């Protein structure tokens, strides 16, 4: 009998606060709102009451972003 491991979906943080357009669309750092820095993927969020999952980005200003705490 063989067992296969299915990839696990990354955790999604549900956010109930107002989020700026730039942060939500990955154009600004999730943690500090910087727009002039190199941004890298930092996790996934979903707005409370919404269905869409958004990829957020960070400039590395903090060791862990809101989505990975």
C-alpha atoms as a PDB file:
ATOM      1  CA  UNK A   1       0.000   0.000   0.000  1.00  0.00           C
ATOM      2  CA  UNK A   2       1.447   3.345  -1.003  1.00  0.00           C
ATOM      3  CA  UNK A   3       0.591   6.609   0.592  1.00  0.00           C
ATOM      4  CA  UNK A   4       0.871   9.915  -1.136  1.00  0.00           C
ATOM      5  CA  UNK A   5       1.206  13.190   0.634  1.00  0.00           C
ATOM      6  CA  UNK A   6      -0.850  15.993  -0.759  1.00  0.00           C
ATOM      7  CA  UNK A   7       0.687  19.443  -0.545  1.00  0.00           C
ATOM      8  CA  UNK A   8      -0.785  21.507   2.251  1.00  0.00           C
ATOM      9  CA  UNK A   9      -2.170  24.910   1.432  1.00  0.00           C
ATOM     10  CA  UNK A  10      -0.333  27.740   3.176  1.00  0.00           C
ATOM     11  CA  UNK A  11      -2.196  29.310   6.110  1.00  0.00           C
ATOM     12  CA  UNK A  12      -4.375  32.295   5.298  1.00  0.00           C
ATOM     13  CA  UNK A  13      -4.655  35.174   7.762  1.00  0.00           C
ATOM     14  CA  UNK A  14      -8.163  36.663   7.985  1.00  0.00           C
ATOM     15  CA  UNK A  15      -7.971  40.438   8.324  1.00  0.00           C
ATOM     16  CA  UNK A  16     -10.896  42.413   9.736  1.00  0.00           C
ATOM     17  CA  UNK A  17      -9.343  45.874   9.519  1.00  0.00           C
ATOM     18  CA  UNK A  18      -9.222  48.355   6.650  1.00  0.00           C
ATOM     19  CA  UNK A  19      -6.328  47.578   4.309  1.00  0.00           C
ATOM     20  CA  UNK A  20      -4.827  50.035   1.845  1.00  0.00           C
ATOM     21  CA  UNK A  21      -5.122  49.274  -1.855  1.00  0.00           C
ATOM     22  CA  UNK A  22      -1.320  49.256  -2.213  1.00  0.00           C
ATOM     23  CA  UNK A  23      -0.805  46.743   0.625  1.00  0.00           C
ATOM     24  CA  UNK A  24      -3.635  44.511  -0.558  1.00  0.00           C
ATOM     25  CA  UNK A  25      -2.324  44.391  -4.127  1.00  0.00           C
ATOM     26  CA  UNK A  26       1.297  43.766  -3.105  1.00  0.00           C
ATOM     27  CA  UNK A  27       2.537  47.197  -4.184  1.00  0.00           C
ATOM     28  CA  UNK A  28       3.541  48.221  -0.641  1.00  0.00           C
ATOM     29  CA  UNK A  29       5.098  46.398   2.305  1.00  0.00           C
ATOM     30  CA  UNK A  30       2.431  44.735   4.443  1.00  0.00           C
ATOM     31  CA  UNK A  31       4.168  45.810   7.664  1.00  0.00           C
ATOM     32  CA  UNK A  32       5.425  49.352   7.022  1.00  0.00           C
ATOM     33  CA  UNK A  33       3.760  50.504   3.752  1.00  0.00           C
ATOM     34  CA  UNK A  34       7.153  51.083   2.052  1.00  0.00           C
ATOM     35  CA  UNK A  35       6.791  51.291  -1.709  1.00  0.00           C
ATOM     36  CA  UNK A  36      10.368  52.049  -2.744  1.00  0.00           C
ATOM     37  CA  UNK A  37      11.886  48.830  -1.364  1.00  0.00           C
ATOM     38  CA  UNK A  38      12.275  45.436  -2.987  1.00  0.00           C
ATOM     39  CA  UNK A  39       9.226  43.427  -1.887  1.00  0.00           C
ATOM     40  CA  UNK A  40       9.075  39.649  -1.478  1.00  0.00           C
ATOM     41  CA  UNK A  41       6.151  37.302  -0.873  1.00  0.00           C
ATOM     42  CA  UNK A  42       5.160  37.185   2.798  1.00  0.00           C
ATOM     43  CA  UNK A  43       2.018  35.093   2.956  1.00  0.00           C
ATOM     44  CA  UNK A  44      -1.656  35.090   2.181  1.00  0.00           C
ATOM     45  CA  UNK A  45      -4.585  37.024   3.597  1.00  0.00           C
ATOM     46  CA  UNK A  46      -8.332  37.095   3.170  1.00  0.00           C
ATOM     47  CA  UNK A  47     -10.472  40.043   4.170  1.00  0.00           C
ATOM     48  CA  UNK A  48     -13.115  39.205   6.740  1.00  0.00           C
ATOM     49  CA  UNK A  49     -16.354  38.437   4.917  1.00  0.00           C
ATOM     50  CA  UNK A  50     -14.556  38.111   1.579  1.00  0.00           C
ATOM     51  CA  UNK A  51     -13.762  35.056  -0.493  1.00  0.00           C
ATOM     52  CA  UNK A  52     -10.674  36.171  -2.417  1.00  0.00           C
ATOM     53  CA  UNK A  53      -7.218  35.292  -1.089  1.00  0.00           C
ATOM     54  CA  UNK A  54      -4.533  37.941  -1.597  1.00  0.00           C
ATOM     55  CA  UNK A  55      -0.757  37.440  -1.651  1.00  0.00           C
ATOM     56  CA  UNK A  56       0.952  40.020   0.536  1.00  0.00           C
ATOM     57  CA  UNK A  57       4.541  41.257   0.322  1.00  0.00           C
ATOM     58  CA  UNK A  58       7.133  42.650   2.692  1.00  0.00           C
ATOM     59  CA  UNK A  59      10.374  44.592   2.408  1.00  0.00           C
ATOM     60  CA  UNK A  60      11.915  42.582   5.259  1.00  0.00           C
ATOM     61  CA  UNK A  61      11.511  45.354   7.843  1.00  0.00           C
ATOM     62  CA  UNK A  62      10.356  42.795  10.429  1.00  0.00           C
ATOM     63  CA  UNK A  63      11.528  39.217  11.024  1.00  0.00           C
ATOM     64  CA  UNK A  64       7.958  37.884  10.674  1.00  0.00           C
ATOM     65  CA  UNK A  65       5.020  39.459   8.933  1.00  0.00           C
ATOM     66  CA  UNK A  66       1.458  39.598  10.176  1.00  0.00           C
ATOM     67  CA  UNK A  67       0.565  36.581   8.045  1.00  0.00           C
ATOM     68  CA  UNK A  68       3.205  34.280   9.534  1.00  0.00           C
ATOM     69  CA  UNK A  69       2.866  35.024  13.259  1.00  0.00           C
END
